[in-house]
Structures are given as C-alpha cells and as structure tokens.
C-alpha cells in the first residue's frame, strides 16, 4: 500500500476548520477525503499535521493518506486541483515512506498573524488580517514576546477545557516586523494549544496599546489562569505557514 504526502494551501474563511464533522460538509479534511476517495476508488482517511480552527488559513499544511491506487502522483495533483474548490489547492504530491505520519512526525510549526495597523481600512487584506487603528508600541510588544519564548506552561493562553493533557509547550521564536501599514507576527514552536496563538496575540496587542505592561508576562505564565490573559483575536489574521519534520 502506498503512502501519499500532500502539501496544501487553503483560505479558511468559509470553512469550519480542518477536522471533518458530522454536522457540516464545510471542512477542509472532509472536502479532501471525499475527493481523494473518489479519485482512488476506495475509502481514504486523510491525516493532517494539525487541526486549524474555523476561519484560519494555511500556506503550508501537510497531510498524508494510504491507498492501493496506482495513479501516478502527477496525475493525482492534476485531478485534485481540477475538482477542488478555488479556495483549496494541492501544491505538492509525493510518495512518502510507509511509516510517515504528518501529525506524529511533525517536530514544529510556524504560524503568521497579520495586523493592519492603520486608521484607514485595507479593502484587499481585510479577509486575512485584523485591523487595529490605534498606534501600537512595537518595541513594548517585542519585550513582552521575549518573556514568552522558551518552554513554559501556557495554560493561561488556551481555551482548551481542563484535562489530563499537558499545557507545556516550547516557543522558539516570536518575531514582529513591519511592512508598510502591516505588522506581521511570526510564531515558531514545537506545537500550539487550542487558540494559543490567538490569545497570545490578544495579550501582545494589549501591551502594544499600553493596556498591559511588557514585563507582566512572567506573572501571567505563572498564574495559569486564562481569565487573566488578553482576548481571543479573530481567526482571519492567522495562517499556518510551515510544518517542520
């Protein structure tokens, strides 16, 4: 049986996230599984490297599936892009090692959150960025972000319900750069909790607005209390950029 690896892009605006759901057909995994099963002539289960939430985009999602089909990978690529909706694209198809698993073998991920920092609306980026008209103190946000880099318990920064799963994660980088009226926040780490980046963003933006001190991050981490962190920012500004194996 062959193991096929996919590299995917999608605009998450009209989807209820990656993971298939019984209640809706509007999921990335569901759309792809139905198409691939038809292509291969057999029921196929697609494994993604992670579950992006409703409204989150991806430029570098990785997934894999097993099949007995002998269709060449280039024909698979052409077939899928012919029949997928215009907001989902397969940009790479390759044979993978038999034991490769896109989620279990993933060592890290890189996300980007986009903020339009201007009082003037940006018509063409509005579906992919949060618009913040207030002046933001970028240096203060960078100082706050430095406290969050490293291995910490990020319980204060997740919407996940209480459970036995560890809330310890390692962030390798939080970078903030300005491109014109746009601020790009890069988050790179070994994994992220449910809503973690969006809550981190809400907290950093409060620092940028002067509503929270940059050096308050260590105490916030120590508190392990979601109620003390910043708001959950909209999903539309978040994009999964790359998976590391």
C-alpha atoms as a PDB file:
ATOM      1  CA  UNK A   1       0.000   0.000   0.000  1.00  0.00           C
ATOM      2  CA  UNK A   2       1.302   3.428  -0.954  1.00  0.00           C
ATOM      3  CA  UNK A   3       1.627   6.371   1.437  1.00  0.00           C
ATOM      4  CA  UNK A   4       0.974   9.683  -0.305  1.00  0.00           C
ATOM      5  CA  UNK A   5       2.071  13.031   1.145  1.00  0.00           C
ATOM      6  CA  UNK A   6       0.316  16.278   0.227  1.00  0.00           C
ATOM      7  CA  UNK A   7       1.320  19.914   0.602  1.00  0.00           C
ATOM      8  CA  UNK A   8      -1.786  22.094   0.818  1.00  0.00           C
ATOM      9  CA  UNK A   9      -2.920  25.699   0.761  1.00  0.00           C
ATOM     10  CA  UNK A  10      -6.356  26.963   1.701  1.00  0.00           C
ATOM     11  CA  UNK A  11      -8.271  30.081   2.558  1.00  0.00           C
ATOM     12  CA  UNK A  12     -10.206  29.173   5.688  1.00  0.00           C
ATOM     13  CA  UNK A  13     -12.831  31.932   5.522  1.00  0.00           C
ATOM     14  CA  UNK A  14     -15.842  29.761   4.661  1.00  0.00           C
ATOM     15  CA  UNK A  15     -14.778  26.555   6.403  1.00  0.00           C
ATOM     16  CA  UNK A  16     -15.481  25.185   9.865  1.00  0.00           C
ATOM     17  CA  UNK A  17     -11.828  24.298  10.349  1.00  0.00           C
ATOM     18  CA  UNK A  18      -9.687  21.374   9.226  1.00  0.00           C
ATOM     19  CA  UNK A  19     -11.300  18.463  11.057  1.00  0.00           C
ATOM     20  CA  UNK A  20     -14.199  16.619   9.440  1.00  0.00           C
ATOM     21  CA  UNK A  21     -17.528  16.979  11.255  1.00  0.00           C
ATOM     22  CA  UNK A  22     -20.787  15.068  11.109  1.00  0.00           C
ATOM     23  CA  UNK A  23     -22.806  18.289  11.287  1.00  0.00           C
ATOM     24  CA  UNK A  24     -21.298  20.006   8.223  1.00  0.00           C
ATOM     25  CA  UNK A  25     -19.557  19.287   4.936  1.00  0.00           C
ATOM     26  CA  UNK A  26     -17.675  22.590   5.135  1.00  0.00           C
ATOM     27  CA  UNK A  27     -14.353  21.303   6.487  1.00  0.00           C
ATOM     28  CA  UNK A  28     -11.007  21.050   4.711  1.00  0.00           C
ATOM     29  CA  UNK A  29     -10.417  17.418   5.693  1.00  0.00           C
ATOM     30  CA  UNK A  30     -13.951  16.443   4.696  1.00  0.00           C
ATOM     31  CA  UNK A  31     -13.717  18.075   1.259  1.00  0.00           C
ATOM     32  CA  UNK A  32     -10.367  16.456   0.535  1.00  0.00           C
ATOM     33  CA  UNK A  33     -11.307  12.994   1.808  1.00  0.00           C
ATOM     34  CA  UNK A  34     -14.416  12.839  -0.365  1.00  0.00           C
ATOM     35  CA  UNK A  35     -12.477  13.910  -3.442  1.00  0.00           C
ATOM     36  CA  UNK A  36      -9.487  11.605  -2.817  1.00  0.00           C
ATOM     37  CA  UNK A  37     -11.765   8.634  -2.127  1.00  0.00           C
ATOM     38  CA  UNK A  38     -13.470   9.211  -5.473  1.00  0.00           C
ATOM     39  CA  UNK A  39     -10.109   9.615  -7.195  1.00  0.00           C
ATOM     40  CA  UNK A  40      -8.675   6.404  -5.738  1.00  0.00           C
ATOM     41  CA  UNK A  41     -11.859   4.326  -5.954  1.00  0.00           C
ATOM     42  CA  UNK A  42     -11.711   3.418  -2.267  1.00  0.00           C
ATOM     43  CA  UNK A  43     -12.440   4.962   1.113  1.00  0.00           C
ATOM     44  CA  UNK A  44      -9.457   7.062   2.177  1.00  0.00           C
ATOM     45  CA  UNK A  45      -8.622   8.601   5.557  1.00  0.00           C
ATOM     46  CA  UNK A  46      -6.580  11.792   5.378  1.00  0.00           C
ATOM     47  CA  UNK A  47      -4.223  12.665   8.251  1.00  0.00           C
ATOM     48  CA  UNK A  48      -3.326  16.342   8.676  1.00  0.00           C
ATOM     49  CA  UNK A  49      -0.316  17.712  10.559  1.00  0.00           C
ATOM     50  CA  UNK A  50      -2.679  19.683  12.791  1.00  0.00           C
ATOM     51  CA  UNK A  51      -6.219  20.973  13.122  1.00  0.00           C
ATOM     52  CA  UNK A  52      -6.577  24.571  12.051  1.00  0.00           C
ATOM     53  CA  UNK A  53      -9.639  26.292  13.547  1.00  0.00           C
ATOM     54  CA  UNK A  54     -12.608  27.701  11.663  1.00  0.00           C
ATOM     55  CA  UNK A  55     -11.505  30.708   9.631  1.00  0.00           C
ATOM     56  CA  UNK A  56      -7.753  30.011   9.882  1.00  0.00           C
ATOM     57  CA  UNK A  57      -5.787  29.866   6.619  1.00  0.00           C
ATOM     58  CA  UNK A  58      -2.837  27.698   5.530  1.00  0.00           C
ATOM     59  CA  UNK A  59       0.031  28.102   3.102  1.00  0.00           C
ATOM     60  CA  UNK A  60       1.949  25.004   4.153  1.00  0.00           C
ATOM     61  CA  UNK A  61      -0.385  22.381   5.619  1.00  0.00           C
ATOM     62  CA  UNK A  62       0.895  18.798   5.245  1.00  0.00           C
ATOM     63  CA  UNK A  63      -1.299  15.703   5.084  1.00  0.00           C
ATOM     64  CA  UNK A  64      -0.971  12.066   4.083  1.00  0.00           C
ATOM     65  CA  UNK A  65      -3.145   9.105   3.124  1.00  0.00           C
ATOM     66  CA  UNK A  66      -2.734   5.426   2.247  1.00  0.00           C
ATOM     67  CA  UNK A  67      -4.070   3.930  -0.966  1.00  0.00           C
ATOM     68  CA  UNK A  68      -3.871   0.884  -3.218  1.00  0.00           C
ATOM     69  CA  UNK A  69      -4.371   3.101  -6.263  1.00  0.00           C
ATOM     70  CA  UNK A  70      -1.567   3.028  -8.859  1.00  0.00           C
ATOM     71  CA  UNK A  71      -2.336   6.527 -10.173  1.00  0.00           C
ATOM     72  CA  UNK A  72       0.921   8.493 -10.676  1.00  0.00           C
ATOM     73  CA  UNK A  73       1.417  11.375  -8.263  1.00  0.00           C
ATOM     74  CA  UNK A  74       1.390  13.997 -11.021  1.00  0.00           C
ATOM     75  CA  UNK A  75      -1.995  12.730 -12.185  1.00  0.00           C
ATOM     76  CA  UNK A  76      -3.236  12.914  -8.600  1.00  0.00           C
ATOM     77  CA  UNK A  77      -2.069  16.520  -8.408  1.00  0.00           C
ATOM     78  CA  UNK A  78      -3.866  17.447 -11.612  1.00  0.00           C
ATOM     79  CA  UNK A  79      -7.047  15.561 -10.664  1.00  0.00           C
ATOM     80  CA  UNK A  80      -7.387  17.116  -7.229  1.00  0.00           C
ATOM     81  CA  UNK A  81      -6.795  20.679  -8.408  1.00  0.00           C
ATOM     82  CA  UNK A  82      -9.294  20.181 -11.231  1.00  0.00           C
ATOM     83  CA  UNK A  83     -12.115  19.315  -8.847  1.00  0.00           C
ATOM     84  CA  UNK A  84     -11.261  21.172  -5.632  1.00  0.00           C
ATOM     85  CA  UNK A  85     -12.996  24.492  -4.900  1.00  0.00           C
ATOM     86  CA  UNK A  86     -10.976  27.590  -5.704  1.00  0.00           C
ATOM     87  CA  UNK A  87     -10.104  28.248  -2.041  1.00  0.00           C
ATOM     88  CA  UNK A  88      -8.269  24.924  -1.590  1.00  0.00           C
ATOM     89  CA  UNK A  89      -5.183  23.894  -3.600  1.00  0.00           C
ATOM     90  CA  UNK A  90      -2.801  20.945  -3.565  1.00  0.00           C
ATOM     91  CA  UNK A  91       0.631  22.370  -4.352  1.00  0.00           C
ATOM     92  CA  UNK A  92       2.647  19.173  -3.965  1.00  0.00           C
ATOM     93  CA  UNK A  93       2.102  15.397  -4.100  1.00  0.00           C
ATOM     94  CA  UNK A  94       4.844  12.863  -3.341  1.00  0.00           C
ATOM     95  CA  UNK A  95       5.408   9.261  -2.321  1.00  0.00           C
ATOM     96  CA  UNK A  96       6.190   9.076   1.409  1.00  0.00           C
ATOM     97  CA  UNK A  97       7.917   6.418   3.493  1.00  0.00           C
ATOM     98  CA  UNK A  98       5.483   3.705   4.643  1.00  0.00           C
ATOM     99  CA  UNK A  99       5.587   4.847   8.280  1.00  0.00           C
ATOM    100  CA  UNK A 100       5.393   8.597   7.621  1.00  0.00           C
ATOM    101  CA  UNK A 101       2.558  10.293   9.507  1.00  0.00           C
ATOM    102  CA  UNK A 102       2.020  14.007   9.013  1.00  0.00           C
ATOM    103  CA  UNK A 103       0.918  14.648  12.604  1.00  0.00           C
ATOM    104  CA  UNK A 104       3.015  12.162  14.565  1.00  0.00           C
ATOM    105  CA  UNK A 105       6.241  13.008  12.701  1.00  0.00           C
ATOM    106  CA  UNK A 106       5.825  16.796  12.905  1.00  0.00           C
ATOM    107  CA  UNK A 107       8.563  18.417  15.020  1.00  0.00           C
ATOM    108  CA  UNK A 108       7.407  22.021  14.864  1.00  0.00           C
ATOM    109  CA  UNK A 109       5.169  24.588  13.195  1.00  0.00           C
ATOM    110  CA  UNK A 110       5.366  28.169  12.029  1.00  0.00           C
ATOM    111  CA  UNK A 111       2.344  30.459  12.030  1.00  0.00           C
ATOM    112  CA  UNK A 112       1.921  34.072  10.998  1.00  0.00           C
ATOM    113  CA  UNK A 113      -0.641  36.559  12.285  1.00  0.00           C
ATOM    114  CA  UNK A 114      -1.269  39.686  10.234  1.00  0.00           C
ATOM    115  CA  UNK A 115      -2.389  43.033  11.649  1.00  0.00           C
ATOM    116  CA  UNK A 116      -3.261  46.102   9.579  1.00  0.00           C
ATOM    117  CA  UNK A 117      -2.136  48.900  11.891  1.00  0.00           C
ATOM    118  CA  UNK A 118      -3.792  51.919  10.321  1.00  0.00           C
ATOM    119  CA  UNK A 119      -6.910  54.063  10.815  1.00  0.00           C
ATOM    120  CA  UNK A 120      -7.572  53.627   7.091  1.00  0.00           C
ATOM    121  CA  UNK A 121      -9.336  50.350   6.152  1.00  0.00           C
ATOM    122  CA  UNK A 122      -7.465  47.958   3.879  1.00  0.00           C
ATOM    123  CA  UNK A 123     -10.037  46.661   1.407  1.00  0.00           C
ATOM    124  CA  UNK A 124      -7.837  43.974  -0.132  1.00  0.00           C
ATOM    125  CA  UNK A 125      -6.388  42.469   3.062  1.00  0.00           C
ATOM    126  CA  UNK A 126      -9.467  42.645   5.275  1.00  0.00           C
ATOM    127  CA  UNK A 127     -10.186  38.904   4.963  1.00  0.00           C
ATOM    128  CA  UNK A 128      -6.668  37.935   6.043  1.00  0.00           C
ATOM    129  CA  UNK A 129      -5.796  40.447   8.759  1.00  0.00           C
ATOM    130  CA  UNK A 130      -7.072  42.052  11.939  1.00  0.00           C
ATOM    131  CA  UNK A 131      -7.434  45.830  11.533  1.00  0.00           C
ATOM    132  CA  UNK A 132      -6.175  47.816  14.532  1.00  0.00           C
ATOM    133  CA  UNK A 133      -6.444  51.606  14.064  1.00  0.00           C
ATOM    134  CA  UNK A 134      -4.683  52.523  17.353  1.00  0.00           C
ATOM    135  CA  UNK A 135      -0.967  53.279  17.325  1.00  0.00           C
ATOM    136  CA  UNK A 136       0.919  50.234  18.620  1.00  0.00           C
ATOM    137  CA  UNK A 137       4.183  50.244  20.594  1.00  0.00           C
ATOM    138  CA  UNK A 138       6.096  47.594  18.674  1.00  0.00           C
ATOM    139  CA  UNK A 139       9.147  47.653  20.958  1.00  0.00           C
ATOM    140  CA  UNK A 140       6.959  47.016  24.012  1.00  0.00           C
ATOM    141  CA  UNK A 141       5.357  44.052  22.246  1.00  0.00           C
ATOM    142  CA  UNK A 142       8.804  42.680  21.393  1.00  0.00           C
ATOM    143  CA  UNK A 143       9.867  42.943  25.037  1.00  0.00           C
ATOM    144  CA  UNK A 144       6.724  41.126  26.112  1.00  0.00           C
ATOM    145  CA  UNK A 145       7.216  38.445  23.458  1.00  0.00           C
ATOM    146  CA  UNK A 146      10.765  37.774  24.680  1.00  0.00           C
ATOM    147  CA  UNK A 147       9.329  36.602  28.027  1.00  0.00           C
ATOM    148  CA  UNK A 148       7.144  34.066  26.205  1.00  0.00           C
ATOM    149  CA  UNK A 149       9.936  32.406  24.217  1.00  0.00           C
ATOM    150  CA  UNK A 150      11.167  29.113  25.647  1.00  0.00           C
ATOM    151  CA  UNK A 151       9.430  26.192  27.328  1.00  0.00           C
ATOM    152  CA  UNK A 152       6.577  27.237  29.600  1.00  0.00           C
ATOM    153  CA  UNK A 153       3.203  26.091  30.842  1.00  0.00           C
ATOM    154  CA  UNK A 154       0.852  28.078  28.588  1.00  0.00           C
ATOM    155  CA  UNK A 155      -2.318  27.240  30.499  1.00  0.00           C
ATOM    156  CA  UNK A 156      -3.145  30.975  30.681  1.00  0.00           C
ATOM    157  CA  UNK A 157      -3.141  31.076  26.880  1.00  0.00           C
ATOM    158  CA  UNK A 158      -5.549  28.322  25.854  1.00  0.00           C
ATOM    159  CA  UNK A 159      -9.296  27.877  25.550  1.00  0.00           C
ATOM    160  CA  UNK A 160      -8.949  24.116  25.994  1.00  0.00           C
ATOM    161  CA  UNK A 161     -11.099  22.661  28.730  1.00  0.00           C
ATOM    162  CA  UNK A 162      -9.401  21.166  31.753  1.00  0.00           C
ATOM    163  CA  UNK A 163      -7.990  17.723  31.070  1.00  0.00           C
ATOM    164  CA  UNK A 164      -5.046  15.432  31.546  1.00  0.00           C
ATOM    165  CA  UNK A 165      -3.125  16.695  28.516  1.00  0.00           C
ATOM    166  CA  UNK A 166      -0.057  18.789  29.257  1.00  0.00           C
ATOM    167  CA  UNK A 167      -0.231  22.517  28.551  1.00  0.00           C
ATOM    168  CA  UNK A 168       3.569  22.814  28.418  1.00  0.00           C
ATOM    169  CA  UNK A 169       4.882  23.919  25.029  1.00  0.00           C
ATOM    170  CA  UNK A 170       8.107  25.376  23.643  1.00  0.00           C
ATOM    171  CA  UNK A 171       8.112  28.580  21.597  1.00  0.00           C
ATOM    172  CA  UNK A 172      11.345  29.011  19.644  1.00  0.00           C
ATOM    173  CA  UNK A 173      10.604  32.416  18.153  1.00  0.00           C
ATOM    174  CA  UNK A 174       8.143  35.280  18.247  1.00  0.00           C
ATOM    175  CA  UNK A 175       9.178  37.857  15.665  1.00  0.00           C
ATOM    176  CA  UNK A 176       7.402  41.120  14.860  1.00  0.00           C
ATOM    177  CA  UNK A 177       8.166  43.028  11.689  1.00  0.00           C
ATOM    178  CA  UNK A 178       6.526  45.958   9.964  1.00  0.00           C
ATOM    179  CA  UNK A 179       5.822  46.112   6.239  1.00  0.00           C
ATOM    180  CA  UNK A 180       4.199  49.450   5.492  1.00  0.00           C
ATOM    181  CA  UNK A 181       0.953  49.614   7.444  1.00  0.00           C
ATOM    182  CA  UNK A 182       1.092  45.877   8.171  1.00  0.00           C
ATOM    183  CA  UNK A 183       2.547  44.177  11.250  1.00  0.00           C
ATOM    184  CA  UNK A 184       3.481  40.528  10.784  1.00  0.00           C
ATOM    185  CA  UNK A 185       3.804  38.361  13.903  1.00  0.00           C
ATOM    186  CA  UNK A 186       5.668  35.063  13.420  1.00  0.00           C
ATOM    187  CA  UNK A 187       5.245  32.244  15.948  1.00  0.00           C
ATOM    188  CA  UNK A 188       7.510  29.206  15.681  1.00  0.00           C
ATOM    189  CA  UNK A 189       7.498  26.341  18.168  1.00  0.00           C
ATOM    190  CA  UNK A 190       7.127  22.629  18.785  1.00  0.00           C
ATOM    191  CA  UNK A 191       3.336  22.843  18.994  1.00  0.00           C
ATOM    192  CA  UNK A 192       0.484  25.119  19.998  1.00  0.00           C
ATOM    193  CA  UNK A 193      -2.552  24.638  22.213  1.00  0.00           C
ATOM    194  CA  UNK A 194      -6.157  25.321  21.206  1.00  0.00           C
ATOM    195  CA  UNK A 195      -6.472  29.070  20.473  1.00  0.00           C
ATOM    196  CA  UNK A 196      -2.974  29.629  21.946  1.00  0.00           C
ATOM    197  CA  UNK A 197      -1.613  31.934  19.249  1.00  0.00           C
ATOM    198  CA  UNK A 198      -4.807  33.968  19.043  1.00  0.00           C
ATOM    199  CA  UNK A 199      -4.790  34.536  22.823  1.00  0.00           C
ATOM    200  CA  UNK A 200      -1.072  35.376  22.760  1.00  0.00           C
ATOM    201  CA  UNK A 201      -1.874  37.898  20.036  1.00  0.00           C
ATOM    202  CA  UNK A 202      -4.685  39.451  22.062  1.00  0.00           C
ATOM    203  CA  UNK A 203      -2.315  39.797  25.008  1.00  0.00           C
ATOM    204  CA  UNK A 204       0.533  41.287  22.954  1.00  0.00           C
ATOM    205  CA  UNK A 205      -1.834  43.782  21.351  1.00  0.00           C
ATOM    206  CA  UNK A 206      -2.925  44.929  24.811  1.00  0.00           C
ATOM    207  CA  UNK A 207       0.759  45.552  25.548  1.00  0.00           C
ATOM    208  CA  UNK A 208       1.073  47.484  22.291  1.00  0.00           C
ATOM    209  CA  UNK A 209      -1.911  49.641  23.244  1.00  0.00           C
ATOM    210  CA  UNK A 210      -0.481  50.387  26.697  1.00  0.00           C
ATOM    211  CA  UNK A 211      -3.190  48.398  28.495  1.00  0.00           C
ATOM    212  CA  UNK A 212      -0.734  45.858  29.903  1.00  0.00           C
ATOM    213  CA  UNK A 213       2.939  46.049  30.934  1.00  0.00           C
ATOM    214  CA  UNK A 214       5.503  44.196  28.846  1.00  0.00           C
ATOM    215  CA  UNK A 215       7.145  42.746  31.963  1.00  0.00           C
ATOM    216  CA  UNK A 216       3.851  41.276  33.221  1.00  0.00           C
ATOM    217  CA  UNK A 217       4.248  38.148  31.048  1.00  0.00           C
ATOM    218  CA  UNK A 218       6.169  36.009  33.601  1.00  0.00           C
ATOM    219  CA  UNK A 219       3.450  36.536  36.227  1.00  0.00           C
ATOM    220  CA  UNK A 220       0.780  35.741  33.655  1.00  0.00           C
ATOM    221  CA  UNK A 221       2.501  32.475  32.757  1.00  0.00           C
ATOM    222  CA  UNK A 222       2.871  31.627  36.441  1.00  0.00           C
ATOM    223  CA  UNK A 223      -0.812  32.296  37.181  1.00  0.00           C
ATOM    224  CA  UNK A 224      -2.027  29.592  34.750  1.00  0.00           C
ATOM    225  CA  UNK A 225      -5.358  31.404  34.532  1.00  0.00           C
ATOM    226  CA  UNK A 226      -6.984  32.043  31.137  1.00  0.00           C
ATOM    227  CA  UNK A 227      -9.131  34.834  32.601  1.00  0.00           C
ATOM    228  CA  UNK A 228      -6.024  36.963  33.200  1.00  0.00           C
ATOM    229  CA  UNK A 229      -4.740  36.876  29.600  1.00  0.00           C
ATOM    230  CA  UNK A 230      -5.861  39.026  26.699  1.00  0.00           C
ATOM    231  CA  UNK A 231      -8.835  38.473  24.380  1.00  0.00           C
ATOM    232  CA  UNK A 232      -9.111  35.864  21.658  1.00  0.00           C
ATOM    233  CA  UNK A 233      -8.448  37.730  18.405  1.00  0.00           C
ATOM    234  CA  UNK A 234     -10.282  36.799  15.164  1.00  0.00           C
ATOM    235  CA  UNK A 235      -9.167  33.717  13.250  1.00  0.00           C
ATOM    236  CA  UNK A 236      -8.925  35.526   9.910  1.00  0.00           C
ATOM    237  CA  UNK A 237      -5.496  37.002  10.676  1.00  0.00           C
ATOM    238  CA  UNK A 238      -3.869  33.612  11.326  1.00  0.00           C
ATOM    239  CA  UNK A 239      -2.106  31.487   8.705  1.00  0.00           C
ATOM    240  CA  UNK A 240      -0.265  28.176   9.105  1.00  0.00           C
ATOM    241  CA  UNK A 241       2.920  28.783   7.124  1.00  0.00           C
ATOM    242  CA  UNK A 242       5.129  25.711   7.528  1.00  0.00           C
ATOM    243  CA  UNK A 243       5.449  22.322   9.224  1.00  0.00           C
ATOM    244  CA  UNK A 244       8.874  21.069  10.310  1.00  0.00           C
ATOM    245  CA  UNK A 245       9.714  17.342  10.226  1.00  0.00           C
END
